[in-house]
Amino acid sequence: MEFDVVIVGAGPSGLAAACRLMQQARQAERALDVCVVEKGSEVGAHILSGAIFETRALDELFPDWAERGAPLNTPVQRDATYLLRSATKAHRLPHALVPKSMHNTGDGITRYVASAGDLCRWLAEQAEALGVDVLPGFAAQHSIIENGRVAGIVTGDMGIAADGTPTDNYAPGMELRARYTLFAEGSRGHLGQQLIRHFALDAGCDPQHYATGLKELWEVPAEQHKPGLVLHGAGWPLSGSTHGGWFLYHADHGQVLVGLIVDLSYQNPWISPFDEFQRMKHHPLLARHLAGGERIAYGARALTKGGFNSLPKMTFPGGLLLGCNAGTLNFAKIKGLHTAMKSGMIAAESVFEALAAGDEGGRELTDFTRRWQASWAYAELSESASFGPAIHRYGTVLGGAYNFINQLVGGRLPNVHDTATDPGSLKPADAFSPIDYPAPDGKLSFDKPSSVFLSNTHHEENQPSHLKLVDADLPIRHTLPKYAEPAQRYCPTGVYEIVENANGDKQVQINFQNCIHCKTCDIKEPSHNIIWTAPEGGGGPNYPNM
């Protein structure tokens, strides 16, 4: 199948690009074939974010978004930041001492407690109304690279049995060819990673950095629901070299969103982000918002948080790398939807201008770089270049102080770089003591199996595992004795287990059916021995309004 433009991923950047392309085509009265390929069973099924949403990009894309029924119903009303000093103590930080990039009220800008999944579903409706072909349930498996340029993608075969043979439901993958292909897969997209390596897009950049974000959706009693209340915090239960922070937002319809972000630069292999999240909810500051409520959804997803210093080149012959696939999240704001959307809109303008001029495709759109570097999104990321690196290098308190002062003086302090890598930061297990996490109580804290159930995750069991070990013996030979096999703990759904066979020999068991596509294993594995590939389209989590 041939298109003018193929977009991989129905997230904020991909859908914003699709909408902007078709808006320009209508204005110019020009025919344009645009296709969006999404591996989730539906648009929004794999979308997970906090999220506090700034409407700046949406205001530009659809100025009448409110009249169109965009799912933005809960403006932020109150904003507070806390430092958790222990399992029972908390200190509220004065608003004046919180870096201004983290303020969500008091600056004249209206922000919304939003569901990124619902926002993407709405954007997909707008795109389809404009004439975009949106194809959920199709996983982009490979890029087509011919004569040094990207010429489209190949979707994965359907109906392949675990032994590699076709089943009765077999359907071959499709070649979706395009004059330009936009890769908007989200954080750690597997095709994006291949393209970064193939075209050396990260040459001269700091190593990319990531975090794992875990999130739950709760329904709480009406008397304790406070729509528009936004809480952020740091400190307990994370300590030492383990950085991160938590959030708790009161959304609409009696719902509370709670989550923990754990930087994947942590050193201690005994850390379990899932269990840190579960015990965090028992802190009195958070527990009072959840007590008596019901947990109705769970999920986890990697965040690309290296920021400006880690941002790769986003152009290559025949295509562009967009949004979180490139790393446009502004971690200083803990927001990335608006910058991702803006990158997609700029991409659409560069692509359309080229096509309208008679371009047959395949060249490198250097005009995108000029437009991107002149945008408010690029300026926003540039201003926050040192935010994440400062915390990594100096710790949460000193790094936070650096960022506060740097924002106060208009970003004139020296740029801080972090040249360590997330998997390379892990230290041997014998340098630390194992962590005795408390058992879940079934009221505020829960186990992994019940959490996987709430993610609505499904993969056909009779299919090849999409999680590949480069060296099948390495986990037992090396990673287990040196690092106590951290995959057992950093995976938020229990995909990786060490089991003994009938002979008493240990081996790794990969429960790929539990995978929620968070990409943590692809990032944190210290020997780079795990490779994440796309499973059969339509598999994975089926998140509601996450």
Protein backbone atom coordinates (compact mmCIF):
# COMPACT_ATOMS: atom_id res chain seq x y z
CA MET A 1 0.00 0.00 0.00
CA GLU A 2 1.33 3.42 -0.91
CA PHE A 3 0.73 6.72 0.87
CA ASP A 4 2.12 10.20 0.79
CA VAL A 5 2.88 10.00 4.51
CA VAL A 6 2.92 7.08 6.96
CA ILE A 7 2.94 7.89 10.67
CA VAL A 8 4.00 5.20 13.15
CA GLY A 9 2.17 5.61 16.45
CA ALA A 10 -1.20 7.15 17.35
CA GLY A 11 0.12 9.18 20.26
CA PRO A 12 0.05 12.97 20.71
CA SER A 13 2.88 13.75 18.26
CA GLY A 14 1.72 11.33 15.55
CA LEU A 15 -1.91 12.41 15.65
CA ALA A 16 -1.02 16.10 15.82
CA ALA A 17 1.13 15.61 12.72
CA ALA A 18 -1.70 13.80 10.91
CA CYS A 19 -4.24 16.51 11.73
CA ARG A 20 -1.92 19.34 10.72
CA LEU A 21 -1.05 17.64 7.42
CA MET A 22 -4.70 17.32 6.45
CA GLN A 23 -5.56 20.84 7.59
CA GLN A 24 -2.94 22.17 5.18
CA ALA A 25 -4.14 19.85 2.40
CA ARG A 26 -7.71 21.13 2.78
CA GLN A 27 -6.59 24.73 2.84
CA ALA A 28 -4.56 24.16 -0.35
CA GLU A 29 -7.34 22.03 -1.91
CA ARG A 30 -4.80 19.29 -2.45
CA ALA A 31 -5.32 15.52 -2.20
CA LEU A 32 -3.14 13.84 0.41
CA ASP A 33 -3.00 10.21 1.57
CA VAL A 34 -1.97 9.95 5.23
CA CYS A 35 -1.96 6.76 7.27
CA VAL A 36 -1.43 6.33 11.02
CA VAL A 37 -0.40 2.85 12.19
CA GLU A 38 -1.02 1.96 15.85
CA LYS A 39 0.04 -1.32 17.50
CA GLY A 40 -2.56 -1.10 20.27
CA SER A 41 -5.95 -2.73 19.85
CA GLU A 42 -7.44 0.77 19.65
CA VAL A 43 -6.15 4.32 19.80
CA GLY A 44 -5.31 5.07 23.43
CA ALA A 45 -4.91 1.43 24.47
CA HIS A 46 -1.15 1.87 25.02
CA ILE A 47 -1.21 5.53 26.12
CA LEU A 48 -0.22 6.29 29.70
CA SER A 49 0.79 9.63 31.15
CA GLY A 50 0.28 11.64 34.37
CA ALA A 51 -1.06 14.00 33.11
CA ILE A 52 -1.20 17.73 33.63
CA PHE A 53 -1.82 19.18 30.19
CA GLU A 54 -0.79 22.57 28.84
CA THR A 55 -2.95 23.50 25.87
CA ARG A 56 -0.43 25.68 24.00
CA ALA A 57 0.04 23.29 21.07
CA LEU A 58 -3.63 22.30 21.03
CA ASP A 59 -4.61 25.98 20.95
CA GLU A 60 -2.60 26.28 17.73
CA LEU A 61 -3.89 23.03 16.19
CA PHE A 62 -7.58 23.41 17.06
CA PRO A 63 -8.34 26.87 18.50
CA ASP A 64 -11.96 25.74 18.94
CA TRP A 65 -11.04 22.56 20.82
CA ALA A 66 -13.56 23.26 23.60
CA GLU A 67 -16.44 23.55 21.10
CA ARG A 68 -15.21 20.34 19.44
CA GLY A 69 -15.53 18.49 22.75
CA ALA A 70 -11.91 17.90 23.66
CA PRO A 71 -11.79 15.85 26.90
CA LEU A 72 -10.37 18.65 29.06
CA ASN A 73 -12.84 19.17 31.86
CA THR A 74 -10.84 19.65 35.05
CA PRO A 75 -8.67 22.77 35.31
CA VAL A 76 -5.97 22.72 37.98
CA GLN A 77 -7.35 24.59 41.01
CA ARG A 78 -4.73 24.04 43.70
CA ASP A 79 -1.08 23.03 43.48
CA ALA A 80 1.24 21.84 46.25
CA THR A 81 4.68 20.21 46.43
CA TYR A 82 5.91 18.07 49.33
CA LEU A 83 9.09 16.45 50.54
CA LEU A 84 8.38 13.14 52.25
CA ARG A 85 10.94 12.88 55.04
CA SER A 86 9.96 9.40 56.23
CA ALA A 87 7.16 6.86 56.07
CA THR A 88 5.01 9.16 58.22
CA LYS A 89 6.42 12.71 57.95
CA ALA A 90 5.99 15.24 55.15
CA HIS A 91 7.04 18.85 54.66
CA ARG A 92 5.19 21.15 52.31
CA LEU A 93 7.58 23.28 50.28
CA PRO A 94 6.77 27.01 50.07
CA HIS A 95 5.55 27.88 46.58
CA ALA A 96 8.37 30.43 46.26
CA LEU A 97 10.99 27.70 46.71
CA VAL A 98 9.59 25.36 44.08
CA PRO A 99 11.26 25.78 40.65
CA LYS A 100 8.92 27.90 38.53
CA SER A 101 8.84 25.24 35.81
CA MET A 102 6.92 23.01 38.23
CA HIS A 103 4.25 25.60 39.06
CA ASN A 104 0.79 24.67 37.81
CA THR A 105 -1.14 27.69 39.14
CA GLY A 106 -0.57 31.38 39.70
CA ASP A 107 1.01 32.28 36.35
CA GLY A 108 -2.11 33.03 34.31
CA ILE A 109 -1.95 29.74 32.37
CA THR A 110 -4.84 27.29 32.69
CA ARG A 111 -3.69 23.68 32.87
CA TYR A 112 -5.89 20.59 33.01
CA VAL A 113 -5.85 17.27 34.82
CA ALA A 114 -6.25 15.11 31.74
CA SER A 115 -6.30 11.57 30.43
CA ALA A 116 -3.69 11.28 27.68
CA GLY A 117 -5.52 8.20 26.39
CA ASP A 118 -8.81 10.06 26.03
CA LEU A 119 -7.03 13.03 24.45
CA CYS A 120 -5.51 10.72 21.82
CA ARG A 121 -8.87 9.09 21.13
CA TRP A 122 -10.33 12.53 20.53
CA LEU A 123 -7.39 13.56 18.31
CA ALA A 124 -7.90 10.37 16.28
CA GLU A 125 -11.54 11.35 15.73
CA GLN A 126 -10.42 14.75 14.45
CA ALA A 127 -7.83 13.11 12.19
CA GLU A 128 -10.34 10.68 10.69
CA ALA A 129 -12.82 13.50 10.10
CA LEU A 130 -10.08 15.24 8.11
CA GLY A 131 -9.52 12.13 6.00
CA VAL A 132 -6.65 10.33 7.75
CA ASP A 133 -6.58 6.52 7.67
CA VAL A 134 -6.07 5.39 11.29
CA LEU A 135 -5.17 1.69 11.51
CA PRO A 136 -5.10 0.30 15.08
CA GLY A 137 -4.02 -3.27 15.71
CA PHE A 138 -1.06 -3.19 13.31
CA ALA A 139 2.45 -3.26 14.74
CA ALA A 140 5.22 -1.69 12.68
CA GLN A 141 7.92 -4.36 12.73
CA HIS A 142 10.62 -3.03 10.37
CA SER A 143 11.59 0.13 8.56
CA ILE A 144 12.06 -0.09 4.81
CA ILE A 145 15.48 1.41 4.07
CA GLU A 146 16.42 1.56 0.40
CA ASN A 147 19.30 3.44 -1.19
CA GLY A 148 20.11 5.15 2.09
CA ARG A 149 16.60 6.48 2.71
CA VAL A 150 13.53 5.35 4.64
CA ALA A 151 10.75 4.38 2.25
CA GLY A 152 8.08 3.19 4.71
CA ILE A 153 7.51 0.37 7.16
CA VAL A 154 6.52 -3.31 7.24
CA THR A 155 3.88 -4.45 9.71
CA GLY A 156 4.32 -7.72 11.57
CA ASP A 157 2.84 -11.00 10.44
CA MET A 158 -0.31 -12.10 12.25
CA GLY A 159 -1.11 -15.65 13.32
CA ILE A 160 2.40 -17.03 13.81
CA ALA A 161 2.64 -19.90 16.32
CA ALA A 162 5.23 -20.04 19.10
CA ASP A 163 7.33 -22.45 17.03
CA GLY A 164 7.38 -20.00 14.12
CA THR A 165 4.92 -21.84 11.89
CA PRO A 166 1.76 -20.22 10.45
CA THR A 167 -1.55 -20.95 12.18
CA ASP A 168 -4.99 -21.06 10.57
CA ASN A 169 -5.26 -17.32 11.34
CA TYR A 170 -2.04 -16.43 9.53
CA ALA A 171 -1.96 -13.11 7.68
CA PRO A 172 1.29 -11.73 6.27
CA GLY A 173 2.55 -8.31 7.19
CA MET A 174 2.04 -5.39 4.84
CA GLU A 175 4.47 -2.99 3.24
CA LEU A 176 3.22 0.55 3.85
CA ARG A 177 5.31 2.69 1.55
CA ALA A 178 5.45 6.46 1.80
CA ARG A 179 7.22 9.45 0.43
CA TYR A 180 7.86 10.41 4.04
CA THR A 181 7.57 8.32 7.22
CA LEU A 182 7.16 9.91 10.64
CA PHE A 183 8.14 7.84 13.68
CA ALA A 184 6.09 8.78 16.73
CA GLU A 185 6.23 5.53 18.71
CA GLY A 186 6.60 7.06 22.16
CA SER A 187 9.44 6.48 24.61
CA ARG A 188 12.07 3.96 23.48
CA GLY A 189 10.30 3.08 20.25
CA HIS A 190 11.99 0.01 18.80
CA LEU A 191 12.08 1.39 15.25
CA GLY A 192 13.29 4.72 16.58
CA GLN A 193 16.17 2.96 18.33
CA GLN A 194 17.12 1.20 15.10
CA LEU A 195 17.04 4.47 13.16
CA ILE A 196 19.14 6.29 15.77
CA ARG A 197 21.80 3.61 15.41
CA HIS A 198 21.57 3.31 11.61
CA PHE A 199 21.84 7.04 10.92
CA ALA A 200 23.99 7.85 14.02
CA LEU A 201 21.39 10.42 15.07
CA ASP A 202 22.77 10.66 18.61
CA ALA A 203 26.33 11.53 17.59
CA GLY A 204 27.63 14.28 19.87
CA CYS A 205 24.70 14.00 22.31
CA ASP A 206 24.74 13.05 25.97
CA PRO A 207 23.44 9.50 26.57
CA GLN A 208 19.66 9.35 26.68
CA HIS A 209 18.10 8.88 30.12
CA TYR A 210 14.85 7.29 31.14
CA ALA A 211 12.53 6.73 34.07
CA THR A 212 9.78 4.22 34.71
CA GLY A 213 6.45 5.80 35.52
CA LEU A 214 3.90 3.69 37.39
CA LYS A 215 0.31 4.84 37.65
CA GLU A 216 -3.01 3.80 39.14
CA LEU A 217 -6.51 5.12 38.61
CA TRP A 218 -8.78 5.17 41.67
CA GLU A 219 -12.42 5.95 42.29
CA VAL A 220 -12.81 7.60 45.69
CA PRO A 221 -15.76 8.55 47.91
CA ALA A 222 -17.45 11.80 46.86
CA GLU A 223 -16.73 13.51 50.18
CA GLN A 224 -12.95 13.26 49.70
CA HIS A 225 -12.85 14.06 45.99
CA LYS A 226 -11.38 17.49 45.20
CA PRO A 227 -11.40 18.06 41.42
CA GLY A 228 -8.39 20.06 40.25
CA LEU A 229 -6.18 19.37 43.29
CA VAL A 230 -2.62 18.62 42.14
CA LEU A 231 0.10 17.26 44.44
CA HIS A 232 3.73 16.50 43.59
CA GLY A 233 6.53 15.30 45.80
CA ALA A 234 9.91 13.67 46.26
CA GLY A 235 11.82 11.90 49.01
CA TRP A 236 10.60 8.77 50.76
CA PRO A 237 10.40 5.93 49.80
CA LEU A 238 13.26 6.69 47.36
CA SER A 239 16.61 7.43 48.93
CA GLY A 240 20.33 7.66 48.24
CA SER A 241 21.18 7.48 44.56
CA THR A 242 17.62 6.55 43.59
CA HIS A 243 15.93 9.65 42.21
CA GLY A 244 12.36 10.27 41.22
CA GLY A 245 9.10 11.67 42.48
CA TRP A 246 5.40 11.04 42.92
CA PHE A 247 2.18 12.68 41.79
CA LEU A 248 -1.45 12.62 42.89
CA TYR A 249 -4.13 14.39 40.84
CA HIS A 250 -7.86 14.70 41.45
CA ALA A 251 -9.52 14.36 38.04
CA ASP A 252 -13.21 14.38 37.12
CA HIS A 253 -15.91 11.75 37.77
CA GLY A 254 -14.70 11.01 41.30
CA GLN A 255 -11.32 9.74 40.12
CA VAL A 256 -7.83 10.19 41.58
CA LEU A 257 -4.66 9.51 39.60
CA VAL A 258 -1.63 8.46 41.62
CA GLY A 259 1.82 7.47 40.44
CA LEU A 260 5.55 7.20 41.06
CA ILE A 261 8.36 8.04 38.65
CA VAL A 262 11.64 6.19 39.30
CA ASP A 263 14.75 7.32 37.41
CA LEU A 264 16.43 4.34 35.78
CA SER A 265 19.82 5.71 36.79
CA TYR A 266 19.51 3.94 40.16
CA GLN A 267 22.47 1.91 41.44
CA ASN A 268 20.91 -0.63 43.79
CA PRO A 269 19.84 -3.80 41.89
CA TRP A 270 17.52 -4.78 44.75
CA ILE A 271 15.24 -1.82 43.96
CA SER A 272 11.75 -2.75 42.78
CA PRO A 273 9.94 0.32 41.38
CA PHE A 274 6.61 -1.51 41.64
CA ASP A 275 7.07 -2.27 45.35
CA GLU A 276 8.35 1.25 46.06
CA PHE A 277 5.14 2.55 44.51
CA GLN A 278 2.95 0.22 46.56
CA ARG A 279 4.48 1.16 49.90
CA MET A 280 4.50 4.87 48.96
CA LYS A 281 0.69 4.91 48.98
CA HIS A 282 0.72 4.07 52.69
CA HIS A 283 2.23 7.45 53.57
CA PRO A 284 -0.50 9.36 55.47
CA LEU A 285 -0.28 12.30 53.06
CA LEU A 286 -1.31 10.10 50.12
CA ALA A 287 -3.35 7.47 51.95
CA ARG A 288 -5.99 9.96 53.04
CA HIS A 289 -6.81 10.67 49.40
CA LEU A 290 -7.21 6.96 48.55
CA ALA A 291 -8.70 5.43 51.70
CA GLY A 292 -12.10 3.91 51.11
CA GLY A 293 -11.63 4.08 47.35
CA GLU A 294 -11.30 1.39 44.72
CA ARG A 295 -8.34 0.89 42.41
CA ILE A 296 -9.72 0.46 38.88
CA ALA A 297 -6.67 0.59 36.58
CA TYR A 298 -2.91 0.08 36.68
CA GLY A 299 -0.11 0.62 34.19
CA ALA A 300 3.52 1.56 33.68
CA ARG A 301 5.53 3.19 30.91
CA ALA A 302 9.06 4.44 30.34
CA LEU A 303 9.67 8.19 30.07
CA THR A 304 12.41 9.65 27.87
CA LYS A 305 13.82 12.30 30.19
CA GLY A 306 17.35 13.15 29.07
CA GLY A 307 16.08 16.47 27.80
CA PHE A 308 17.86 18.99 25.61
CA ASN A 309 21.40 17.63 26.05
CA SER A 310 20.29 14.14 24.96
CA LEU A 311 18.02 15.19 22.11
CA PRO A 312 19.16 13.39 18.93
CA LYS A 313 19.06 14.70 15.41
CA MET A 314 15.43 14.25 14.37
CA THR A 315 15.85 14.20 10.58
CA PHE A 316 17.15 11.54 8.19
CA PRO A 317 16.52 10.80 4.51
CA GLY A 318 12.85 9.96 4.09
CA GLY A 319 11.63 10.58 7.61
CA LEU A 320 11.53 12.25 11.00
CA LEU A 321 11.75 11.18 14.64
CA LEU A 322 9.09 12.88 16.77
CA GLY A 323 7.87 13.38 20.32
CA CYS A 324 9.00 11.03 23.08
CA ASN A 325 10.58 8.79 20.43
CA ALA A 326 13.18 11.56 20.17
CA GLY A 327 12.92 12.77 23.77
CA THR A 328 10.97 16.03 23.66
CA LEU A 329 9.54 15.66 27.19
CA ASN A 330 10.30 18.64 29.43
CA PHE A 331 11.19 16.88 32.66
CA ALA A 332 11.59 20.21 34.44
CA LYS A 333 7.84 20.65 34.00
CA ILE A 334 6.99 16.93 34.29
CA LYS A 335 5.08 17.48 31.06
CA GLY A 336 5.59 16.27 27.50
CA LEU A 337 2.25 16.13 25.69
CA HIS A 338 2.39 19.74 24.52
CA THR A 339 5.99 19.57 23.27
CA ALA A 340 5.34 16.22 21.57
CA MET A 341 2.34 17.68 19.76
CA LYS A 342 4.34 20.73 18.67
CA SER A 343 7.09 18.53 17.19
CA GLY A 344 4.42 16.70 15.18
CA MET A 345 2.86 19.92 13.94
CA ILE A 346 6.22 21.30 12.81
CA ALA A 347 6.96 18.01 11.07
CA ALA A 348 3.64 18.24 9.23
CA GLU A 349 4.41 21.76 8.03
CA SER A 350 7.86 20.75 6.73
CA VAL A 351 6.53 17.62 5.01
CA PHE A 352 3.58 19.37 3.42
CA GLU A 353 5.69 22.24 2.14
CA ALA A 354 8.04 19.73 0.50
CA LEU A 355 5.21 17.71 -1.07
CA ALA A 356 3.40 20.81 -2.27
CA ALA A 357 6.60 21.89 -4.04
CA GLY A 358 6.58 18.67 -6.03
CA ASP A 359 8.99 16.70 -3.85
CA GLU A 360 8.73 12.99 -4.59
CA GLY A 361 10.06 12.17 -1.11
CA GLY A 362 13.14 10.56 0.28
CA ARG A 363 15.29 13.60 0.94
CA GLU A 364 16.30 14.87 4.37
CA LEU A 365 13.97 17.62 5.55
CA THR A 366 16.56 19.99 6.97
CA ASP A 367 13.87 22.67 6.95
CA PHE A 368 12.32 20.83 9.92
CA THR A 369 15.44 21.49 11.99
CA ARG A 370 15.25 25.22 11.27
CA ARG A 371 11.55 25.35 12.17
CA TRP A 372 12.04 23.18 15.27
CA GLN A 373 14.92 25.25 16.61
CA ALA A 374 12.88 28.43 16.12
CA SER A 375 9.90 27.05 18.06
CA TRP A 376 8.75 27.71 21.60
CA ALA A 377 9.03 23.97 22.32
CA TYR A 378 12.75 23.94 21.49
CA ALA A 379 13.28 27.09 23.57
CA GLU A 380 11.46 25.47 26.48
CA LEU A 381 13.70 22.39 26.35
CA SER A 382 16.83 24.54 25.99
CA GLU A 383 15.96 26.54 29.10
CA SER A 384 15.67 23.29 31.10
CA ALA A 385 18.78 21.57 29.68
CA SER A 386 20.45 21.12 33.08
CA PHE A 387 17.41 20.13 35.10
CA GLY A 388 17.71 16.33 34.96
CA PRO A 389 21.53 16.18 34.78
CA ALA A 390 21.83 18.36 37.89
CA ILE A 391 19.65 16.00 39.92
CA HIS A 392 21.57 12.97 38.63
CA ARG A 393 24.96 14.47 39.46
CA TYR A 394 24.22 16.35 42.69
CA GLY A 395 21.20 14.54 44.13
CA THR A 396 17.59 15.58 44.64
CA VAL A 397 18.26 18.33 47.22
CA LEU A 398 21.41 19.94 45.79
CA GLY A 399 20.29 19.36 42.21
CA GLY A 400 16.95 20.92 43.05
CA ALA A 401 18.70 23.91 44.59
CA TYR A 402 20.83 24.30 41.45
CA ASN A 403 17.72 24.24 39.27
CA PHE A 404 15.89 26.72 41.48
CA ILE A 405 18.78 29.19 41.31
CA ASN A 406 19.32 28.59 37.59
CA GLN A 407 15.69 29.39 36.82
CA LEU A 408 15.93 32.45 39.07
CA VAL A 409 18.88 33.85 37.09
CA GLY A 410 17.36 33.03 33.72
CA GLY A 411 19.38 29.90 32.96
CA ARG A 412 22.77 31.59 33.15
CA LEU A 413 24.48 28.95 35.29
CA PRO A 414 26.83 26.56 33.43
CA ASN A 415 25.11 23.75 31.54
CA VAL A 416 25.36 20.47 33.46
CA HIS A 417 25.96 17.25 31.51
CA ASP A 418 25.33 13.66 32.57
CA THR A 419 27.47 11.27 30.53
CA ALA A 420 26.68 8.13 32.56
CA THR A 421 24.22 5.60 31.18
CA ASP A 422 21.20 4.18 32.96
CA PRO A 423 22.18 0.49 32.66
CA GLY A 424 25.82 1.33 33.38
CA SER A 425 24.88 2.89 36.72
CA LEU A 426 23.86 -0.45 38.25
CA LYS A 427 26.27 -1.77 40.88
CA PRO A 428 26.82 -5.36 42.07
CA ALA A 429 24.19 -6.78 44.39
CA ASP A 430 26.68 -7.52 47.18
CA ALA A 431 27.27 -3.77 47.57
CA PHE A 432 23.74 -3.47 49.00
CA SER A 433 21.40 -5.34 51.31
CA PRO A 434 18.25 -6.95 49.89
CA ILE A 435 15.11 -4.87 50.49
CA ASP A 436 12.36 -6.44 52.57
CA TYR A 437 9.26 -4.90 51.05
CA PRO A 438 6.06 -5.13 53.12
CA ALA A 439 3.35 -7.50 51.96
CA PRO A 440 0.44 -5.75 50.19
CA ASP A 441 -2.67 -5.21 52.29
CA GLY A 442 -5.17 -5.42 49.42
CA LYS A 443 -6.55 -1.99 50.36
CA LEU A 444 -3.85 0.53 49.46
CA SER A 445 -1.11 -1.79 48.17
CA PHE A 446 -1.40 -4.76 45.84
CA ASP A 447 0.59 -7.53 44.17
CA LYS A 448 1.76 -7.75 40.56
CA PRO A 449 -0.74 -10.38 39.33
CA SER A 450 -3.76 -8.33 40.39
CA SER A 451 -2.15 -5.24 38.88
CA VAL A 452 -1.55 -6.95 35.54
CA PHE A 453 -5.22 -7.95 35.56
CA LEU A 454 -6.23 -4.29 35.90
CA SER A 455 -4.06 -3.33 32.92
CA ASN A 456 -6.30 -5.50 30.69
CA THR A 457 -3.17 -6.96 29.11
CA HIS A 458 -3.59 -9.66 26.49
CA HIS A 459 -1.19 -11.45 24.17
CA GLU A 460 -2.00 -14.59 22.24
CA GLU A 461 -0.05 -17.25 24.13
CA ASN A 462 0.66 -19.26 20.99
CA GLN A 463 2.97 -16.69 19.42
CA PRO A 464 6.74 -16.15 19.54
CA SER A 465 7.94 -14.15 22.53
CA HIS A 466 8.64 -10.55 21.61
CA LEU A 467 11.26 -10.35 24.37
CA LYS A 468 14.52 -11.77 23.06
CA LEU A 469 17.68 -12.73 24.94
CA VAL A 470 20.82 -12.12 22.90
CA ASP A 471 22.61 -14.76 25.00
CA ALA A 472 20.16 -17.18 26.63
CA ASP A 473 22.72 -18.36 29.19
CA LEU A 474 23.97 -14.92 30.28
CA PRO A 475 21.32 -14.29 32.98
CA ILE A 476 22.29 -17.40 34.96
CA ARG A 477 25.99 -17.27 34.10
CA HIS A 478 26.54 -13.58 34.80
CA THR A 479 23.57 -11.36 35.68
CA LEU A 480 22.22 -13.54 38.51
CA PRO A 481 25.50 -13.92 40.45
CA LYS A 482 26.61 -10.32 39.91
CA TYR A 483 23.34 -8.35 40.06
CA ALA A 484 20.89 -10.88 41.59
CA GLU A 485 19.08 -10.75 38.21
CA PRO A 486 17.43 -7.33 38.58
CA ALA A 487 14.89 -8.04 35.81
CA GLN A 488 12.89 -9.87 38.49
CA ARG A 489 12.43 -6.51 40.21
CA TYR A 490 12.66 -3.70 37.66
CA CYS A 491 9.90 -5.26 35.52
CA PRO A 492 6.60 -3.84 36.89
CA THR A 493 4.53 -6.89 35.89
CA GLY A 494 6.65 -9.93 36.77
CA VAL A 495 7.61 -10.89 33.23
CA TYR A 496 11.01 -12.24 34.28
CA GLU A 497 11.42 -15.06 36.80
CA ILE A 498 14.28 -17.32 37.88
CA VAL A 499 12.94 -20.88 38.14
CA GLU A 500 14.50 -24.29 38.73
CA ASN A 501 13.90 -27.21 36.39
CA ALA A 502 13.52 -30.85 37.42
CA ASN A 503 17.30 -31.22 37.64
CA GLY A 504 17.64 -28.29 39.99
CA ASP A 505 19.22 -26.10 37.33
CA LYS A 506 18.18 -22.45 37.26
CA GLN A 507 16.87 -20.75 34.17
CA VAL A 508 15.09 -17.56 33.17
CA GLN A 509 11.38 -17.84 32.53
CA ILE A 510 9.93 -15.04 30.38
CA ASN A 511 6.20 -14.56 30.94
CA PHE A 512 5.77 -12.34 27.89
CA GLN A 513 1.98 -12.57 28.22
CA ASN A 514 2.29 -10.15 31.18
CA CYS A 515 4.22 -7.50 29.22
CA ILE A 516 2.62 -4.04 29.25
CA HIS A 517 5.18 -2.62 26.77
CA CYS A 518 6.79 -0.29 29.32
CA LYS A 519 10.28 -0.88 27.77
CA THR A 520 12.04 -0.86 31.17
CA CYS A 521 13.85 -4.14 30.44
CA ASP A 522 15.11 -2.82 27.10
CA ILE A 523 16.63 0.12 28.98
CA LYS A 524 17.89 -1.13 32.35
CA GLU A 525 19.32 -4.59 31.52
CA PRO A 526 23.01 -4.05 32.51
CA SER A 527 24.46 -6.29 29.78
CA HIS A 528 22.10 -5.09 27.01
CA ASN A 529 20.99 -8.72 26.73
CA ILE A 530 17.23 -8.09 26.36
CA ILE A 531 15.85 -6.82 23.08
CA TRP A 532 12.24 -5.65 22.88
CA THR A 533 10.55 -6.31 19.56
CA ALA A 534 6.98 -5.64 18.50
CA PRO A 535 4.54 -8.46 19.33
CA GLU A 536 1.53 -9.26 17.21
CA GLY A 537 -0.58 -6.18 16.59
CA GLY A 538 -3.43 -5.60 19.02
CA GLY A 539 -1.58 -7.22 21.93
CA GLY A 540 -0.42 -5.62 25.17
CA PRO A 541 -2.36 -3.47 27.61
CA ASN A 542 -5.79 -2.03 26.95
CA TYR A 543 -5.78 1.02 29.16
CA PRO A 544 -9.00 2.97 29.78
CA ASN A 545 -8.55 6.71 30.44
CA MET A 546 -4.90 6.52 31.49
